[in-house]
Protein backbone atom coordinates (compact mmCIF):
# COMPACT_ATOMS: atom_id res chain seq x y z
CA MET A 1 21.71 -4.89 7.91
CA LYS A 2 25.40 -5.59 7.36
CA GLU A 3 27.64 -5.91 10.39
CA ASN A 4 30.22 -3.20 10.93
CA PRO A 5 33.70 -4.27 9.77
CA SER A 6 36.33 -5.14 12.35
CA HIS A 7 39.37 -2.95 12.93
CA ILE A 8 41.46 -5.36 10.80
CA ASP A 9 38.98 -5.12 7.90
CA PHE A 10 38.91 -1.36 8.36
CA PHE A 11 42.65 -0.93 7.99
CA GLU A 12 42.90 -3.41 5.10
CA LYS A 13 40.25 -1.50 3.14
CA TYR A 14 41.84 1.76 4.20
CA LYS A 15 45.21 0.68 2.76
CA GLN A 16 43.54 -0.36 -0.51
CA ALA A 17 41.90 3.04 -0.74
CA GLN A 18 45.12 4.97 -0.18
CA ILE A 19 46.17 4.98 -3.82
CA GLU A 20 42.80 6.29 -5.01
CA LEU A 21 42.74 8.81 -2.19
CA GLU A 22 46.15 10.22 -3.11
CA LYS A 23 45.10 10.36 -6.75
CA LEU A 24 41.93 12.23 -5.84
CA LYS A 25 43.84 14.65 -3.60
CA LYS A 26 46.28 15.37 -6.43
CA GLU A 27 43.46 16.03 -8.89
CA ILE A 28 41.74 18.40 -6.43
CA ALA A 29 45.04 20.15 -5.71
CA ASP A 30 45.70 20.55 -9.45
CA LEU A 31 42.29 22.08 -9.89
CA LYS A 32 42.87 24.51 -7.03
CA LYS A 33 46.25 25.45 -8.42
CA LYS A 34 44.84 25.93 -11.89
CA GLU A 35 41.86 27.96 -10.68
CA ARG A 36 43.63 29.71 -7.80
CA ASN A 37 41.22 32.64 -7.72
CA GLU A 38 38.16 30.71 -8.81
CA PRO A 39 35.89 28.42 -6.79
CA VAL A 40 36.44 24.67 -7.10
CA LEU A 41 33.96 23.26 -9.59
CA PHE A 42 32.65 19.74 -9.76
CA LYS A 43 32.42 20.07 -13.52
CA ASP A 44 35.82 20.30 -15.15
CA SER A 45 38.18 18.04 -17.06
CA PHE A 46 36.70 15.10 -15.11
CA ASN A 47 33.49 14.66 -13.10
CA LEU A 48 34.68 15.37 -9.57
CA GLU A 49 31.24 14.72 -8.06
CA GLU A 50 31.02 11.24 -9.54
CA SER A 51 34.64 10.54 -8.58
CA ILE A 52 33.90 11.40 -4.94
CA LYS A 53 30.80 9.22 -4.96
CA THR A 54 32.61 6.28 -6.52
CA PHE A 55 35.51 6.65 -4.14
CA GLY A 56 33.17 7.12 -1.16
CA ASP A 57 31.42 3.81 -1.72
CA LEU A 58 34.78 2.05 -1.33
CA LEU A 59 35.44 3.48 2.12
CA PRO A 60 34.56 1.75 5.43
CA PHE A 61 33.37 4.97 7.06
CA VAL A 62 30.63 7.55 6.44
CA VAL A 63 31.05 9.91 3.46
CA SER A 64 28.34 12.43 2.59
CA ILE A 65 27.56 15.59 0.63
CA LEU A 66 24.98 18.14 1.85
CA ASP A 67 23.45 21.28 0.39
CA GLN A 68 23.08 24.61 2.20
CA ASN A 69 19.76 23.53 3.73
CA GLY A 70 21.34 20.50 5.35
CA ASN A 71 19.80 18.02 2.92
CA PHE A 72 21.93 15.03 1.98
CA ILE A 73 22.48 14.79 -1.76
CA TYR A 74 24.86 11.86 -1.32
CA VAL A 75 25.58 9.29 1.39
CA ASN A 76 27.85 6.34 0.68
CA SER A 77 26.66 2.76 1.20
CA PHE A 78 28.53 2.37 4.49
CA GLY A 79 26.93 5.57 5.82
CA LEU A 80 23.38 4.46 5.05
CA ASN A 81 23.94 1.09 6.71
CA PHE A 82 25.77 2.61 9.66
CA PHE A 83 22.98 5.09 10.46
CA GLY A 84 20.29 2.49 9.78
CA TYR A 85 18.71 4.11 6.73
CA THR A 86 17.81 2.61 3.35
CA CYS A 87 18.09 3.94 -0.19
CA ASP A 88 14.33 4.60 -0.08
CA ASP A 89 14.81 6.76 3.02
CA PHE A 90 17.52 8.68 1.18
CA ASN A 91 15.40 9.14 -1.96
CA LYS A 92 12.51 10.48 0.14
CA GLY A 93 14.80 13.11 1.58
CA LEU A 94 17.26 12.95 4.47
CA ASN A 95 18.22 16.06 6.45
CA ILE A 96 21.13 16.70 8.82
CA SER A 97 18.57 17.21 11.63
CA LYS A 98 17.95 13.45 11.49
CA ILE A 99 21.62 12.82 12.27
CA LEU A 100 22.61 15.55 14.76
CA ALA A 101 21.26 14.87 18.26
CA ASN A 102 21.48 18.45 19.60
CA LEU A 103 19.88 21.60 18.20
CA GLU A 104 22.98 23.67 18.96
CA ASP A 105 25.03 21.22 16.89
CA ILE A 106 22.75 21.83 13.92
CA VAL A 107 23.48 25.57 14.17
CA ARG A 108 27.20 24.89 14.68
CA PHE A 109 27.36 22.60 11.65
CA SER A 110 25.47 25.06 9.45
CA SER A 111 27.99 27.79 10.29
CA LYS A 112 30.65 25.77 8.50
CA PHE A 113 29.21 27.04 5.22
CA GLU A 114 30.70 30.41 6.11
CA ASN A 115 34.17 28.90 5.51
CA LYS A 116 34.62 29.31 1.77
CA THR A 117 36.54 26.83 -0.32
CA GLY A 118 40.28 27.23 -0.32
CA LYS A 119 40.57 29.14 2.94
CA GLU A 120 41.88 26.10 4.78
CA GLN A 121 44.44 23.66 3.50
CA PHE A 122 42.93 20.70 5.36
CA PRO A 123 39.37 20.04 6.56
CA LYS A 124 38.71 20.72 10.23
CA ALA A 125 37.57 17.91 12.51
CA SER A 126 34.74 18.56 14.97
CA GLU A 127 33.06 16.25 17.43
CA TYR A 128 29.28 15.94 17.41
CA LEU A 129 26.73 13.85 19.25
CA LEU A 130 25.06 11.92 16.44
CA LYS A 131 22.02 9.68 16.36
CA LYS A 132 21.00 6.70 14.26
CA SER A 133 17.56 5.87 12.90
CA ASP A 134 16.72 3.89 16.07
CA GLU A 135 17.52 7.03 18.17
CA THR A 136 20.66 5.51 19.70
CA THR A 137 23.40 8.14 20.00
CA PHE A 138 27.16 8.12 19.66
CA TYR A 139 29.99 10.62 19.38
CA GLY A 140 31.26 11.12 15.85
CA LEU A 141 34.32 12.95 14.57
CA VAL A 142 33.23 14.92 11.50
CA TYR A 143 35.73 16.10 8.89
CA SER A 144 34.15 18.62 6.54
CA GLU A 145 35.00 21.09 3.81
CA THR A 146 32.90 23.47 1.73
CA LEU A 147 32.87 22.97 -2.03
CA ILE A 148 31.02 24.76 -4.85
CA ASN A 149 29.30 22.83 -7.62
CA TYR A 150 28.96 23.79 -11.26
CA ASP A 151 25.87 25.99 -10.75
CA GLY A 152 27.59 28.04 -8.04
CA LYS A 153 25.82 26.52 -5.03
CA GLU A 154 27.80 25.64 -1.94
CA LEU A 155 27.93 22.03 -0.83
CA MET A 156 29.49 20.40 2.20
CA LEU A 157 31.67 17.33 1.84
CA GLY A 158 31.80 15.43 5.13
CA ILE A 159 33.42 12.31 6.55
CA VAL A 160 32.19 10.79 9.82
CA ILE A 161 34.21 8.45 12.02
CA ASP A 162 32.72 6.81 15.12
CA HIS A 163 34.51 8.49 18.01
CA THR A 164 32.77 6.63 20.85
CA GLU A 165 35.53 4.11 21.47
CA TYR A 166 38.17 6.83 21.43
CA ARG A 167 36.19 8.84 23.98
CA ARG A 168 35.73 5.77 26.15
CA VAL A 169 39.45 4.99 26.08
CA THR A 170 40.28 8.65 26.75
CA GLU A 171 37.85 8.87 29.67
CA ASN A 172 39.22 5.62 31.10
CA TYR A 173 42.73 7.00 30.75
CA ILE A 174 41.77 10.22 32.54
CA CYS A 175 40.05 8.20 35.26
CA ALA A 176 43.07 5.92 35.61
CA GLU A 177 45.35 8.95 35.78
CA GLU A 178 43.20 10.46 38.54
CA ASN A 179 43.18 7.15 40.43
CA LEU A 180 46.96 6.96 40.13
CA ARG A 181 47.27 10.52 41.41
CA GLN A 182 45.05 9.61 44.36
CA LEU A 183 47.10 6.49 45.04
CA ASN A 184 50.32 8.51 45.00
CA ALA A 185 48.78 11.06 47.37
CA THR A 186 47.62 8.22 49.62
CA LYS A 187 51.08 6.70 49.62
CA ASP A 188 52.73 10.05 50.39
CA LYS A 189 50.25 10.71 53.21
CA PHE A 190 50.82 7.24 54.63
CA PHE A 191 54.59 7.63 54.73
CA SER A 192 54.27 11.17 56.09
CA ILE A 193 52.20 9.93 59.00
CA ILE A 194 54.60 7.09 59.72
CA ALA A 195 57.68 9.31 59.43
CA HIS A 196 56.44 12.19 61.57
CA ASP A 197 53.08 11.95 63.31
CA LEU A 198 53.39 8.36 64.52
CA LYS A 199 57.02 8.86 65.49
CA ASN A 200 56.42 11.88 67.76
CA PRO A 201 54.29 10.16 70.44
CA PHE A 202 56.80 7.35 70.76
CA SER A 203 59.64 9.85 71.04
CA ALA A 204 57.85 11.41 74.04
CA ILE A 205 57.15 8.01 75.59
CA ILE A 206 60.74 6.82 75.20
CA GLY A 207 62.27 10.13 76.30
CA PHE A 208 60.27 10.61 79.51
CA SER A 209 60.35 6.92 80.45
CA GLU A 210 64.15 6.97 80.15
CA LEU A 211 64.29 10.04 82.40
CA ILE A 212 62.29 8.22 85.07
CA LEU A 213 64.21 4.98 84.65
CA ASN A 214 67.66 6.56 84.93
CA ASN A 215 66.88 9.14 87.60
CA VAL A 216 63.91 7.82 89.54
CA SER A 217 65.56 8.47 92.92
CA ASN A 218 66.35 12.09 92.00
CA TYR A 219 62.78 13.12 91.16
CA SER A 220 59.97 14.03 93.49
CA LYS A 221 56.62 12.30 93.40
CA GLU A 222 55.10 15.36 91.71
CA GLN A 223 57.77 15.37 88.98
CA ILE A 224 57.29 11.68 88.30
CA GLU A 225 53.52 12.19 88.11
CA SER A 226 53.99 14.97 85.53
CA PHE A 227 56.30 12.71 83.46
CA VAL A 228 53.80 9.85 83.64
CA THR A 229 51.03 12.24 82.54
CA VAL A 230 53.04 13.18 79.45
CA ILE A 231 53.68 9.49 78.74
CA ASN A 232 49.98 8.71 79.17
CA LYS A 233 48.89 11.49 76.80
CA ALA A 234 51.50 10.47 74.21
CA SER A 235 50.37 6.86 74.48
CA ILE A 236 46.72 7.79 73.94
CA LYS A 237 47.62 9.99 71.00
CA GLY A 238 49.78 7.30 69.44
CA TYR A 239 47.14 4.63 69.95
CA THR A 240 44.35 6.81 68.50
CA LEU A 241 46.48 7.69 65.49
CA LEU A 242 47.50 4.08 64.96
CA GLU A 243 43.87 2.99 65.22
CA ASN A 244 42.80 5.55 62.59
CA LEU A 245 45.76 4.62 60.42
CA LEU A 246 44.90 0.93 60.49
CA GLU A 247 41.23 1.58 59.74
CA TRP A 248 42.14 3.93 56.91
CA SER A 249 44.67 1.52 55.37
CA ARG A 250 42.14 -1.33 55.52
CA ASN A 251 39.58 0.93 53.88
CA GLN A 252 42.01 1.89 51.10
CA THR A 253 42.75 -1.75 50.29
CA GLY A 254 39.06 -2.61 50.16
CA LYS A 255 39.27 -4.98 53.12
CA VAL A 256 36.60 -3.19 55.16
CA ASP A 257 33.20 -4.87 55.01
CA VAL A 258 30.20 -2.58 55.45
CA ILE A 259 27.87 -4.39 57.84
CA LYS A 260 24.68 -2.36 58.04
CA GLU A 261 22.28 -2.68 60.93
CA LYS A 262 19.53 -0.71 62.60
CA PHE A 263 20.73 1.19 65.68
CA GLU A 264 19.65 4.14 67.81
CA ILE A 265 21.86 7.17 67.10
CA ASN A 266 21.33 8.87 70.48
CA GLU A 267 22.94 6.00 72.36
CA LEU A 268 26.02 6.13 70.13
CA ILE A 269 26.37 9.89 70.55
CA LYS A 270 26.04 9.67 74.34
CA GLU A 271 28.66 6.90 74.52
CA ASN A 272 31.14 9.10 72.65
CA ILE A 273 30.34 12.11 74.84
CA GLU A 274 31.28 10.02 77.92
CA LEU A 275 34.55 8.97 76.27
CA ILE A 276 35.54 12.56 75.39
CA LYS A 277 34.18 14.20 78.57
CA GLU A 278 37.50 14.08 80.45
CA LYS A 279 39.29 15.98 77.67
CA ALA A 280 36.49 18.51 77.54
CA ASP A 281 36.61 19.03 81.32
CA LEU A 282 40.35 19.71 81.20
CA LYS A 283 39.66 22.66 78.89
CA GLY A 284 36.47 23.70 80.65
CA ILE A 285 34.41 22.96 77.52
CA LYS A 286 30.68 22.41 77.87
CA ILE A 287 29.13 19.71 75.66
CA ILE A 288 25.44 20.28 74.88
CA TYR A 289 23.20 17.46 73.66
CA LYS A 290 19.52 17.49 74.58
CA ASN A 291 17.85 15.30 71.98
CA GLU A 292 15.60 12.67 73.58
CA THR A 293 13.70 11.54 70.48
CA GLU A 294 14.58 8.03 69.38
CA LEU A 295 16.17 8.13 65.95
CA TYR A 296 17.25 4.98 64.16
CA ALA A 297 19.91 4.79 61.47
CA GLU A 298 20.58 2.04 58.94
CA ALA A 299 24.37 1.89 58.67
CA ASP A 300 27.57 0.21 59.87
CA LYS A 301 27.56 1.05 63.57
CA ASN A 302 31.33 0.72 64.05
CA MET A 303 32.05 3.05 61.13
CA ILE A 304 29.61 5.69 62.36
CA ASN A 305 31.08 5.37 65.85
CA THR A 306 34.48 6.24 64.35
CA VAL A 307 32.95 9.22 62.52
CA ILE A 308 31.30 10.64 65.66
CA ARG A 309 34.43 10.04 67.74
CA ASN A 310 36.66 11.87 65.26
CA LEU A 311 34.32 14.83 64.75
CA LEU A 312 33.71 15.23 68.48
CA SER A 313 37.43 14.94 69.24
CA ASN A 314 38.18 17.63 66.63
CA ALA A 315 35.54 19.92 68.11
CA ILE A 316 37.16 19.65 71.55
CA LYS A 317 40.62 20.13 70.04
CA TYR A 318 39.78 23.37 68.22
CA THR A 319 37.48 24.93 70.85
CA LYS A 320 38.96 27.48 73.20
CA HIS A 321 38.98 27.07 76.98
CA LYS A 322 35.51 27.59 78.50
CA GLY A 323 34.01 27.14 75.06
CA THR A 324 30.96 25.16 73.91
CA VAL A 325 30.42 22.12 71.70
CA GLU A 326 26.86 21.32 70.64
CA ILE A 327 25.54 18.16 69.04
CA LYS A 328 22.22 17.82 67.21
CA ALA A 329 20.52 14.84 65.59
CA GLU A 330 17.31 15.11 63.61
CA LYS A 331 15.29 13.56 60.84
CA SER A 332 16.03 15.54 57.70
CA CYS A 333 14.49 15.93 54.27
CA LYS A 334 15.95 14.46 51.10
CA THR A 335 19.40 15.42 49.86
CA GLN A 336 20.79 15.44 46.33
CA SER A 337 22.16 11.89 46.63
CA GLN A 338 19.50 10.46 48.97
CA LYS A 339 15.98 9.97 47.62
CA ASN A 340 14.53 8.96 50.99
CA GLU A 341 14.46 10.75 54.33
CA CYS A 342 17.70 10.68 56.25
CA LEU A 343 19.23 11.44 59.63
CA LYS A 344 21.31 14.60 59.89
CA ILE A 345 23.90 14.85 62.65
CA GLU A 346 25.52 18.20 63.41
CA ILE A 347 28.58 18.76 65.64
CA SER A 348 29.28 22.47 66.16
CA ASP A 349 31.82 24.44 68.17
CA ASN A 350 32.58 28.09 68.87
CA GLY A 351 36.31 27.54 68.36
CA ILE A 352 38.91 28.97 66.02
CA GLY A 353 37.08 28.19 62.76
CA ILE A 354 38.58 27.57 59.32
CA GLU A 355 39.62 30.05 56.62
CA ASN A 356 37.44 29.92 53.49
CA GLU A 357 40.40 29.05 51.27
CA ASN A 358 41.14 25.96 53.38
CA ILE A 359 37.65 24.47 53.72
CA HIS A 360 37.86 22.57 50.42
CA LYS A 361 41.11 20.91 51.58
CA LEU A 362 39.62 19.18 54.61
CA PHE A 363 38.40 15.96 53.02
CA LYS A 364 41.15 15.62 50.38
CA ILE A 365 44.13 13.47 51.16
CA GLU A 366 46.32 15.14 48.52
CA GLU A 367 45.94 18.52 50.24
CA SER A 368 47.35 17.30 53.58
CA TYR A 369 45.70 20.08 55.60
CA SER A 370 45.99 20.17 59.40
CA THR A 371 46.35 22.84 62.10
CA LYS A 372 47.19 22.88 65.80
CA GLY A 373 44.44 22.89 68.41
CA THR A 374 43.82 25.60 70.97
CA SER A 375 46.15 23.79 73.40
CA SER A 376 48.72 23.12 70.68
CA GLU A 377 47.27 19.65 69.99
CA LYS A 378 48.64 18.30 66.73
CA GLY A 379 46.63 16.53 64.07
CA THR A 380 47.21 14.79 60.75
CA GLY A 381 43.99 15.51 58.86
CA LEU A 382 43.56 11.75 58.52
CA GLY A 383 40.50 11.64 60.80
CA LEU A 384 38.33 13.75 58.47
CA ILE A 385 39.40 11.75 55.42
CA LEU A 386 38.40 8.58 57.28
CA CYS A 387 35.07 10.20 58.23
CA LYS A 388 34.33 11.02 54.60
CA ASP A 389 35.15 7.48 53.44
CA PHE A 390 32.99 5.87 56.12
CA VAL A 391 30.01 8.20 55.66
CA GLU A 392 30.01 7.70 51.89
CA LYS A 393 30.31 3.91 52.29
CA ASN A 394 27.05 4.13 54.22
CA ASN A 395 25.28 6.15 51.51
CA GLY A 396 25.58 9.42 53.37
CA GLU A 397 27.04 12.87 52.79
CA ILE A 398 29.43 14.96 54.89
CA TRP A 399 30.18 18.68 54.72
CA VAL A 400 31.32 21.62 56.83
CA GLU A 401 30.31 25.23 57.38
CA SER A 402 32.80 27.48 59.13
CA GLU A 403 33.61 31.08 59.89
CA PHE A 404 37.19 31.88 60.79
CA GLY A 405 37.49 33.01 64.40
CA LYS A 406 33.91 32.04 65.29
CA GLY A 407 33.69 28.28 64.95
CA SER A 408 32.74 25.36 62.70
CA SER A 409 29.78 23.05 62.14
CA PHE A 410 30.31 19.59 60.68
CA TYR A 411 27.30 17.77 59.25
CA PHE A 412 26.77 14.25 58.00
CA THR A 413 23.72 12.27 56.94
CA LEU A 414 22.76 8.60 57.21
CA PRO A 415 19.87 6.53 55.84
CA PHE A 416 16.91 6.82 58.22
CA ASN A 417 15.17 3.71 59.60
CA ASN A 418 11.85 4.42 61.34
């Protein structure tokens, strides 16, 4: 089988064929003008059918003629070689069903016979999934027009150009455009956090520390304690945000190594409950976790620790005073992306919930969605984005179910190690 010509060969042959192509177009146009109200005939002052065949064999792309039943009555030499068929295959009978990969495309192509000659000035181009004799498929751009031969039967003149490379380039362009949009959203989010969210805690620290420093003798012990409390809370908030920001930025630059290990999930959950317990007590929130069954995960322990910490912190933040936060961990069945059994961790609250129209924004950095907590705690939305990145890096899934005014349940899965 001959090798397909290179792009340079293609364009050289294409240029050489231009003169004959223009001549052929002119002859066809003259015929149409002469027989304005009559169908185009192959048999006239010159043999149009033979001219098309002769011209077609010069072209470095597929040229064919089909009858109304989809049988090929002509395929140029390039077309036979390209699709992997021989002249013997053609002589035995070759149908369009051998070329079109999808049944619906066969119906769609057949409908083109409804477009009578002369209705359109130029042939329409349609994309089809085509197949070769070895069953390999590719996308082809098919230019076609209906003609009528000398005995009044309709025929279809078609030209096929391999469209696979164009599709690949187009898909890569769309993917690159989406990546660029994500990078711009990441950059905007990064600067937004630095400009506002990271600045606010330090403003509180500097402001209240200056008050104490300049007027320490004028304040009572109780007043100074209240100022120090504000400074302490602002420091914790700033540190937590900075920690998330650094982890997120490292993750975005690909500098985070996923170090998977086997670890017991209950221990990690209990450690995070102890860390968050003081905040929960201040709001009178009860944290419920009763699982005693040993469950082992196969994941990066530090990443999953960050996920649990963020989800638990959010649950406390958005739960009302005297509310409840419940944590569950269990072995779960397969999910769409996980073929094996997995661990499912659920962190639920009976807090303020999330409106339906905002749920889809939670894990998207370009949406920049965040709300105040029940004690006016501020957030950036960065924590959930970090959770999604870390869970997915460990071959898990994360999602949320929420009802506005009644609470939210965040779920994530991890590979199970028994």
